[in-house]
Protein backbone atom coordinates (compact mmCIF):
# COMPACT_ATOMS: atom_id res chain seq x y z
CA UNK A 1 0.00 0.00 0.00
CA UNK A 2 2.87 2.31 0.78
CA UNK A 3 4.27 1.60 -2.68
CA UNK A 4 1.00 2.50 -4.36
CA UNK A 5 0.82 5.79 -2.49
CA UNK A 6 4.40 6.59 -3.48
CA UNK A 7 3.63 5.80 -7.14
CA UNK A 8 0.48 7.88 -6.93
CA UNK A 9 2.46 10.82 -5.51
CA UNK A 10 5.01 10.50 -8.31
CA UNK A 11 2.26 10.47 -10.92
CA UNK A 12 0.58 13.47 -9.29
CA UNK A 13 3.89 15.34 -9.20
CA UNK A 14 4.60 14.44 -12.83
CA UNK A 15 1.13 15.59 -13.92
CA UNK A 16 1.50 18.79 -11.93
CA UNK A 17 4.84 19.60 -13.57
CA UNK A 18 3.49 18.63 -16.99
CA UNK A 19 0.41 20.84 -16.59
CA UNK A 20 2.52 23.79 -15.42
CA UNK A 21 4.80 23.36 -18.42
CA UNK A 22 1.78 23.09 -20.71
CA UNK A 23 0.25 26.28 -19.25
CA UNK A 24 3.60 28.07 -19.58
CA UNK A 25 3.93 27.03 -23.22
CA UNK A 26 0.34 28.05 -24.04
CA UNK A 27 0.77 31.41 -22.25
CA UNK A 28 4.07 32.05 -24.05
CA UNK A 29 2.49 31.14 -27.39
CA UNK A 30 -0.43 33.55 -26.94
CA UNK A 31 1.85 36.30 -25.62
CA UNK A 32 4.21 35.86 -28.59
CA UNK A 33 1.27 35.88 -31.03
CA UNK A 34 -0.17 39.02 -29.43
CA UNK A 35 3.19 40.81 -29.57
CA UNK A 36 3.74 39.76 -33.16
CA UNK A 37 0.34 41.00 -34.28
CA UNK A 38 0.45 44.25 -32.31
CA UNK A 39 3.99 45.13 -33.38
CA UNK A 40 3.26 44.88 -37.09
CA UNK A 41 2.78 48.37 -38.44
CA UNK A 42 0.46 48.79 -41.34
CA UNK A 43 2.28 49.03 -44.66
CA UNK A 44 1.71 52.09 -46.79
CA UNK A 45 -0.77 51.12 -49.49
CA UNK A 46 0.66 50.76 -52.97
CA UNK A 47 -0.63 53.67 -55.00
CA UNK A 48 -0.31 54.25 -58.72
CA UNK A 49 1.68 57.21 -59.99
CA UNK A 50 -1.60 58.90 -60.89
CA UNK A 51 -2.89 58.46 -57.33
CA UNK A 52 0.40 59.68 -55.83
CA UNK A 53 0.46 62.79 -58.02
CA UNK A 54 -3.20 63.71 -57.55
CA UNK A 55 -3.83 62.80 -53.89
CA UNK A 56 -2.94 66.21 -52.37
CA UNK A 57 -1.67 69.63 -53.48
CA UNK A 58 2.12 69.92 -53.74
CA UNK A 59 4.26 72.75 -52.34
CA UNK A 60 7.68 73.63 -53.73
CA UNK A 61 10.39 72.96 -51.11
CA UNK A 62 13.74 73.32 -52.90
CA UNK A 63 15.12 74.41 -56.26
CA UNK A 64 18.58 73.60 -57.59
CA UNK A 65 20.62 73.96 -60.71
CA UNK A 66 21.75 70.37 -61.23
CA UNK A 67 25.29 70.01 -59.94
CA UNK A 68 24.89 72.79 -57.36
CA UNK A 69 23.39 72.58 -53.85
CA UNK A 70 19.62 72.89 -53.55
CA UNK A 71 18.28 76.06 -51.99
CA UNK A 72 15.02 76.55 -50.08
CA UNK A 73 12.33 78.44 -51.94
CA UNK A 74 11.72 82.13 -51.34
CA UNK A 75 9.10 83.00 -48.74
CA UNK A 76 6.71 84.22 -51.44
CA UNK A 77 6.85 80.77 -53.08
CA UNK A 78 6.56 78.71 -49.89
CA UNK A 79 2.76 78.89 -49.79
CA UNK A 80 2.23 78.30 -53.52
CA UNK A 81 0.40 75.06 -54.34
CA UNK A 82 0.38 72.85 -57.41
CA UNK A 83 -2.73 70.68 -57.65
CA UNK A 84 -2.96 67.93 -60.25
CA UNK A 85 -6.34 66.36 -60.92
CA UNK A 86 -6.96 62.87 -62.28
CA UNK A 87 -8.85 64.29 -65.27
CA UNK A 88 -5.66 65.92 -66.61
CA UNK A 89 -6.10 69.44 -65.29
CA UNK A 90 -3.80 71.32 -62.95
CA UNK A 91 -4.05 74.50 -60.89
CA UNK A 92 -1.14 76.61 -59.71
CA UNK A 93 -2.18 78.87 -56.82
CA UNK A 94 0.02 81.76 -55.63
CA UNK A 95 -1.06 81.35 -52.01
CA UNK A 96 -1.32 84.30 -49.64
CA UNK A 97 2.02 85.93 -50.43
CA UNK A 98 2.65 86.87 -54.04
CA UNK A 99 6.06 87.83 -55.34
CA UNK A 100 4.43 90.31 -57.72
CA UNK A 101 0.99 91.76 -56.93
CA UNK A 102 0.12 91.86 -60.65
CA UNK A 103 0.55 88.07 -61.03
CA UNK A 104 -2.70 86.14 -61.36
CA UNK A 105 -3.79 84.29 -58.21
CA UNK A 106 -4.27 81.03 -60.10
CA UNK A 107 -3.07 79.56 -63.36
CA UNK A 108 -4.78 76.56 -64.88
CA UNK A 109 -3.62 74.20 -67.55
CA UNK A 110 -3.48 70.56 -68.46
CA UNK A 111 -1.02 67.81 -67.78
CA UNK A 112 -0.36 64.23 -68.84
CA UNK A 113 2.11 61.48 -68.21
CA UNK A 114 4.53 60.55 -70.98
CA UNK A 115 7.27 57.97 -71.48
CA UNK A 116 5.70 55.26 -69.33
CA UNK A 117 4.77 57.71 -66.55
CA UNK A 118 8.36 58.93 -66.08
CA UNK A 119 7.65 62.40 -67.51
CA UNK A 120 4.99 64.98 -66.66
CA UNK A 121 4.00 67.18 -69.61
CA UNK A 122 2.55 70.49 -68.40
CA UNK A 123 0.57 72.51 -70.95
CA UNK A 124 -0.23 76.16 -70.35
CA UNK A 125 -1.31 78.64 -73.01
CA UNK A 126 0.01 76.51 -75.87
CA UNK A 127 3.42 75.99 -74.25
CA UNK A 128 4.46 72.52 -73.08
CA UNK A 129 7.03 71.88 -70.36
CA UNK A 130 8.38 68.36 -69.91
CA UNK A 131 9.50 67.46 -66.40
CA UNK A 132 11.29 64.17 -65.78
CA UNK A 133 10.15 62.47 -62.57
CA UNK A 134 13.16 61.64 -60.40
CA UNK A 135 11.16 60.63 -57.32
CA UNK A 136 7.45 60.26 -56.63
CA UNK A 137 6.01 58.84 -53.43
CA UNK A 138 3.32 59.85 -50.94
CA UNK A 139 5.52 62.61 -49.46
CA UNK A 140 7.87 63.77 -52.21
CA UNK A 141 7.74 64.78 -55.86
CA UNK A 142 11.13 65.53 -57.39
CA UNK A 143 11.40 66.59 -61.03
CA UNK A 144 14.07 67.89 -63.37
CA UNK A 145 13.77 69.94 -66.54
CA UNK A 146 15.84 72.21 -68.75
CA UNK A 147 15.12 75.93 -68.74
CA UNK A 148 18.41 77.57 -69.78
CA UNK A 149 20.02 75.35 -67.09
CA UNK A 150 19.13 71.86 -65.91
CA UNK A 151 16.84 72.53 -62.95
CA UNK A 152 15.71 70.17 -60.20
CA UNK A 153 12.67 70.93 -58.03
CA UNK A 154 11.51 69.08 -54.93
CA UNK A 155 7.91 69.29 -53.74
CA UNK A 156 6.22 68.07 -50.58
CA UNK A 157 2.81 68.30 -48.93
C-alpha atoms as a PDB file:
ATOM      1  CA  UNK A   1       0.000   0.000   0.000  1.00  0.00           C
ATOM      2  CA  UNK A   2       2.869   2.311   0.783  1.00  0.00           C
ATOM      3  CA  UNK A   3       4.273   1.596  -2.680  1.00  0.00           C
ATOM      4  CA  UNK A   4       1.000   2.502  -4.356  1.00  0.00           C
ATOM      5  CA  UNK A   5       0.824   5.787  -2.488  1.00  0.00           C
ATOM      6  CA  UNK A   6       4.405   6.594  -3.484  1.00  0.00           C
ATOM      7  CA  UNK A   7       3.631   5.800  -7.136  1.00  0.00           C
ATOM      8  CA  UNK A   8       0.476   7.883  -6.934  1.00  0.00           C
ATOM      9  CA  UNK A   9       2.463  10.822  -5.507  1.00  0.00           C
ATOM     10  CA  UNK A  10       5.011  10.503  -8.312  1.00  0.00           C
ATOM     11  CA  UNK A  11       2.259  10.472 -10.925  1.00  0.00           C
ATOM     12  CA  UNK A  12       0.576  13.471  -9.295  1.00  0.00           C
ATOM     13  CA  UNK A  13       3.894  15.343  -9.198  1.00  0.00           C
ATOM     14  CA  UNK A  14       4.597  14.437 -12.829  1.00  0.00           C
ATOM     15  CA  UNK A  15       1.132  15.591 -13.922  1.00  0.00           C
ATOM     16  CA  UNK A  16       1.497  18.791 -11.926  1.00  0.00           C
ATOM     17  CA  UNK A  17       4.839  19.596 -13.573  1.00  0.00           C
ATOM     18  CA  UNK A  18       3.491  18.634 -16.995  1.00  0.00           C
ATOM     19  CA  UNK A  19       0.408  20.837 -16.595  1.00  0.00           C
ATOM     20  CA  UNK A  20       2.520  23.792 -15.416  1.00  0.00           C
ATOM     21  CA  UNK A  21       4.803  23.356 -18.421  1.00  0.00           C
ATOM     22  CA  UNK A  22       1.776  23.095 -20.711  1.00  0.00           C
ATOM     23  CA  UNK A  23       0.252  26.280 -19.250  1.00  0.00           C
ATOM     24  CA  UNK A  24       3.603  28.073 -19.578  1.00  0.00           C
ATOM     25  CA  UNK A  25       3.927  27.035 -23.219  1.00  0.00           C
ATOM     26  CA  UNK A  26       0.344  28.054 -24.038  1.00  0.00           C
ATOM     27  CA  UNK A  27       0.766  31.406 -22.252  1.00  0.00           C
ATOM     28  CA  UNK A  28       4.067  32.051 -24.050  1.00  0.00           C
ATOM     29  CA  UNK A  29       2.489  31.140 -27.389  1.00  0.00           C
ATOM     30  CA  UNK A  30      -0.429  33.550 -26.945  1.00  0.00           C
ATOM     31  CA  UNK A  31       1.852  36.298 -25.625  1.00  0.00           C
ATOM     32  CA  UNK A  32       4.209  35.864 -28.590  1.00  0.00           C
ATOM     33  CA  UNK A  33       1.271  35.879 -31.026  1.00  0.00           C
ATOM     34  CA  UNK A  34      -0.175  39.021 -29.430  1.00  0.00           C
ATOM     35  CA  UNK A  35       3.186  40.811 -29.568  1.00  0.00           C
ATOM     36  CA  UNK A  36       3.740  39.756 -33.156  1.00  0.00           C
ATOM     37  CA  UNK A  37       0.338  41.002 -34.283  1.00  0.00           C
ATOM     38  CA  UNK A  38       0.450  44.250 -32.310  1.00  0.00           C
ATOM     39  CA  UNK A  39       3.987  45.133 -33.384  1.00  0.00           C
ATOM     40  CA  UNK A  40       3.261  44.882 -37.088  1.00  0.00           C
ATOM     41  CA  UNK A  41       2.780  48.366 -38.442  1.00  0.00           C
ATOM     42  CA  UNK A  42       0.463  48.792 -41.344  1.00  0.00           C
ATOM     43  CA  UNK A  43       2.280  49.034 -44.661  1.00  0.00           C
ATOM     44  CA  UNK A  44       1.707  52.089 -46.787  1.00  0.00           C
ATOM     45  CA  UNK A  45      -0.769  51.120 -49.492  1.00  0.00           C
ATOM     46  CA  UNK A  46       0.660  50.762 -52.972  1.00  0.00           C
ATOM     47  CA  UNK A  47      -0.625  53.669 -55.002  1.00  0.00           C
ATOM     48  CA  UNK A  48      -0.315  54.246 -58.721  1.00  0.00           C
ATOM     49  CA  UNK A  49       1.682  57.209 -59.995  1.00  0.00           C
ATOM     50  CA  UNK A  50      -1.604  58.898 -60.886  1.00  0.00           C
ATOM     51  CA  UNK A  51      -2.889  58.463 -57.327  1.00  0.00           C
ATOM     52  CA  UNK A  52       0.396  59.680 -55.830  1.00  0.00           C
ATOM     53  CA  UNK A  53       0.464  62.788 -58.016  1.00  0.00           C
ATOM     54  CA  UNK A  54      -3.199  63.707 -57.547  1.00  0.00           C
ATOM     55  CA  UNK A  55      -3.831  62.796 -53.890  1.00  0.00           C
ATOM     56  CA  UNK A  56      -2.936  66.211 -52.373  1.00  0.00           C
ATOM     57  CA  UNK A  57      -1.666  69.626 -53.479  1.00  0.00           C
ATOM     58  CA  UNK A  58       2.121  69.915 -53.739  1.00  0.00           C
ATOM     59  CA  UNK A  59       4.264  72.748 -52.343  1.00  0.00           C
ATOM     60  CA  UNK A  60       7.682  73.632 -53.729  1.00  0.00           C
ATOM     61  CA  UNK A  61      10.387  72.957 -51.110  1.00  0.00           C
ATOM     62  CA  UNK A  62      13.742  73.319 -52.897  1.00  0.00           C
ATOM     63  CA  UNK A  63      15.120  74.406 -56.260  1.00  0.00           C
ATOM     64  CA  UNK A  64      18.575  73.596 -57.595  1.00  0.00           C
ATOM     65  CA  UNK A  65      20.622  73.963 -60.708  1.00  0.00           C
ATOM     66  CA  UNK A  66      21.748  70.373 -61.225  1.00  0.00           C
ATOM     67  CA  UNK A  67      25.288  70.012 -59.936  1.00  0.00           C
ATOM     68  CA  UNK A  68      24.885  72.785 -57.361  1.00  0.00           C
ATOM     69  CA  UNK A  69      23.390  72.579 -53.848  1.00  0.00           C
ATOM     70  CA  UNK A  70      19.618  72.895 -53.548  1.00  0.00           C
ATOM     71  CA  UNK A  71      18.279  76.065 -51.989  1.00  0.00           C
ATOM     72  CA  UNK A  72      15.024  76.546 -50.078  1.00  0.00           C
ATOM     73  CA  UNK A  73      12.334  78.443 -51.939  1.00  0.00           C
ATOM     74  CA  UNK A  74      11.724  82.126 -51.341  1.00  0.00           C
ATOM     75  CA  UNK A  75       9.102  83.003 -48.743  1.00  0.00           C
ATOM     76  CA  UNK A  76       6.708  84.223 -51.439  1.00  0.00           C
ATOM     77  CA  UNK A  77       6.852  80.770 -53.078  1.00  0.00           C
ATOM     78  CA  UNK A  78       6.564  78.705 -49.891  1.00  0.00           C
ATOM     79  CA  UNK A  79       2.761  78.891 -49.793  1.00  0.00           C
ATOM     80  CA  UNK A  80       2.226  78.299 -53.522  1.00  0.00           C
ATOM     81  CA  UNK A  81       0.404  75.061 -54.344  1.00  0.00           C
ATOM     82  CA  UNK A  82       0.384  72.849 -57.409  1.00  0.00           C
ATOM     83  CA  UNK A  83      -2.727  70.677 -57.648  1.00  0.00           C
ATOM     84  CA  UNK A  84      -2.955  67.931 -60.253  1.00  0.00           C
ATOM     85  CA  UNK A  85      -6.342  66.362 -60.921  1.00  0.00           C
ATOM     86  CA  UNK A  86      -6.961  62.875 -62.275  1.00  0.00           C
ATOM     87  CA  UNK A  87      -8.855  64.291 -65.269  1.00  0.00           C
ATOM     88  CA  UNK A  88      -5.664  65.918 -66.610  1.00  0.00           C
ATOM     89  CA  UNK A  89      -6.098  69.443 -65.293  1.00  0.00           C
ATOM     90  CA  UNK A  90      -3.797  71.325 -62.951  1.00  0.00           C
ATOM     91  CA  UNK A  91      -4.045  74.496 -60.894  1.00  0.00           C
ATOM     92  CA  UNK A  92      -1.142  76.613 -59.710  1.00  0.00           C
ATOM     93  CA  UNK A  93      -2.179  78.874 -56.818  1.00  0.00           C
ATOM     94  CA  UNK A  94       0.022  81.762 -55.633  1.00  0.00           C
ATOM     95  CA  UNK A  95      -1.062  81.354 -52.013  1.00  0.00           C
ATOM     96  CA  UNK A  96      -1.315  84.297 -49.641  1.00  0.00           C
ATOM     97  CA  UNK A  97       2.022  85.934 -50.427  1.00  0.00           C
ATOM     98  CA  UNK A  98       2.645  86.867 -54.045  1.00  0.00           C
ATOM     99  CA  UNK A  99       6.058  87.832 -55.342  1.00  0.00           C
ATOM    100  CA  UNK A 100       4.427  90.313 -57.720  1.00  0.00           C
ATOM    101  CA  UNK A 101       0.989  91.755 -56.928  1.00  0.00           C
ATOM    102  CA  UNK A 102       0.123  91.858 -60.651  1.00  0.00           C
ATOM    103  CA  UNK A 103       0.553  88.075 -61.029  1.00  0.00           C
ATOM    104  CA  UNK A 104      -2.704  86.138 -61.359  1.00  0.00           C
ATOM    105  CA  UNK A 105      -3.789  84.293 -58.209  1.00  0.00           C
ATOM    106  CA  UNK A 106      -4.266  81.026 -60.098  1.00  0.00           C
ATOM    107  CA  UNK A 107      -3.066  79.558 -63.356  1.00  0.00           C
ATOM    108  CA  UNK A 108      -4.779  76.555 -64.878  1.00  0.00           C
ATOM    109  CA  UNK A 109      -3.620  74.199 -67.551  1.00  0.00           C
ATOM    110  CA  UNK A 110      -3.481  70.556 -68.463  1.00  0.00           C
ATOM    111  CA  UNK A 111      -1.023  67.806 -67.780  1.00  0.00           C
ATOM    112  CA  UNK A 112      -0.362  64.231 -68.835  1.00  0.00           C
ATOM    113  CA  UNK A 113       2.112  61.479 -68.207  1.00  0.00           C
ATOM    114  CA  UNK A 114       4.535  60.553 -70.981  1.00  0.00           C
ATOM    115  CA  UNK A 115       7.273  57.972 -71.478  1.00  0.00           C
ATOM    116  CA  UNK A 116       5.698  55.260 -69.330  1.00  0.00           C
ATOM    117  CA  UNK A 117       4.773  57.714 -66.545  1.00  0.00           C
ATOM    118  CA  UNK A 118       8.360  58.933 -66.082  1.00  0.00           C
ATOM    119  CA  UNK A 119       7.654  62.404 -67.505  1.00  0.00           C
ATOM    120  CA  UNK A 120       4.989  64.982 -66.663  1.00  0.00           C
ATOM    121  CA  UNK A 121       3.996  67.177 -69.614  1.00  0.00           C
ATOM    122  CA  UNK A 122       2.547  70.494 -68.400  1.00  0.00           C
ATOM    123  CA  UNK A 123       0.566  72.507 -70.952  1.00  0.00           C
ATOM    124  CA  UNK A 124      -0.234  76.162 -70.352  1.00  0.00           C
ATOM    125  CA  UNK A 125      -1.312  78.638 -73.011  1.00  0.00           C
ATOM    126  CA  UNK A 126       0.010  76.508 -75.871  1.00  0.00           C
ATOM    127  CA  UNK A 127       3.419  75.988 -74.249  1.00  0.00           C
ATOM    128  CA  UNK A 128       4.462  72.515 -73.082  1.00  0.00           C
ATOM    129  CA  UNK A 129       7.034  71.882 -70.360  1.00  0.00           C
ATOM    130  CA  UNK A 130       8.377  68.365 -69.913  1.00  0.00           C
ATOM    131  CA  UNK A 131       9.499  67.458 -66.401  1.00  0.00           C
ATOM    132  CA  UNK A 132      11.291  64.174 -65.778  1.00  0.00           C
ATOM    133  CA  UNK A 133      10.154  62.470 -62.574  1.00  0.00           C
ATOM    134  CA  UNK A 134      13.165  61.639 -60.400  1.00  0.00           C
ATOM    135  CA  UNK A 135      11.162  60.626 -57.325  1.00  0.00           C
ATOM    136  CA  UNK A 136       7.455  60.259 -56.628  1.00  0.00           C
ATOM    137  CA  UNK A 137       6.008  58.838 -53.428  1.00  0.00           C
ATOM    138  CA  UNK A 138       3.324  59.849 -50.938  1.00  0.00           C
ATOM    139  CA  UNK A 139       5.517  62.611 -49.461  1.00  0.00           C
ATOM    140  CA  UNK A 140       7.874  63.772 -52.213  1.00  0.00           C
ATOM    141  CA  UNK A 141       7.742  64.784 -55.861  1.00  0.00           C
ATOM    142  CA  UNK A 142      11.134  65.533 -57.386  1.00  0.00           C
ATOM    143  CA  UNK A 143      11.399  66.586 -61.030  1.00  0.00           C
ATOM    144  CA  UNK A 144      14.069  67.893 -63.370  1.00  0.00           C
ATOM    145  CA  UNK A 145      13.771  69.943 -66.539  1.00  0.00           C
ATOM    146  CA  UNK A 146      15.839  72.211 -68.751  1.00  0.00           C
ATOM    147  CA  UNK A 147      15.124  75.927 -68.738  1.00  0.00           C
ATOM    148  CA  UNK A 148      18.413  77.567 -69.777  1.00  0.00           C
ATOM    149  CA  UNK A 149      20.020  75.349 -67.093  1.00  0.00           C
ATOM    150  CA  UNK A 150      19.134  71.865 -65.908  1.00  0.00           C
ATOM    151  CA  UNK A 151      16.841  72.529 -62.948  1.00  0.00           C
ATOM    152  CA  UNK A 152      15.705  70.174 -60.201  1.00  0.00           C
ATOM    153  CA  UNK A 153      12.671  70.934 -58.035  1.00  0.00           C
ATOM    154  CA  UNK A 154      11.509  69.081 -54.929  1.00  0.00           C
ATOM    155  CA  UNK A 155       7.906  69.290 -53.739  1.00  0.00           C
ATOM    156  CA  UNK A 156       6.218  68.067 -50.577  1.00  0.00           C
ATOM    157  CA  UNK A 157       2.814  68.297 -48.927  1.00  0.00           C
END
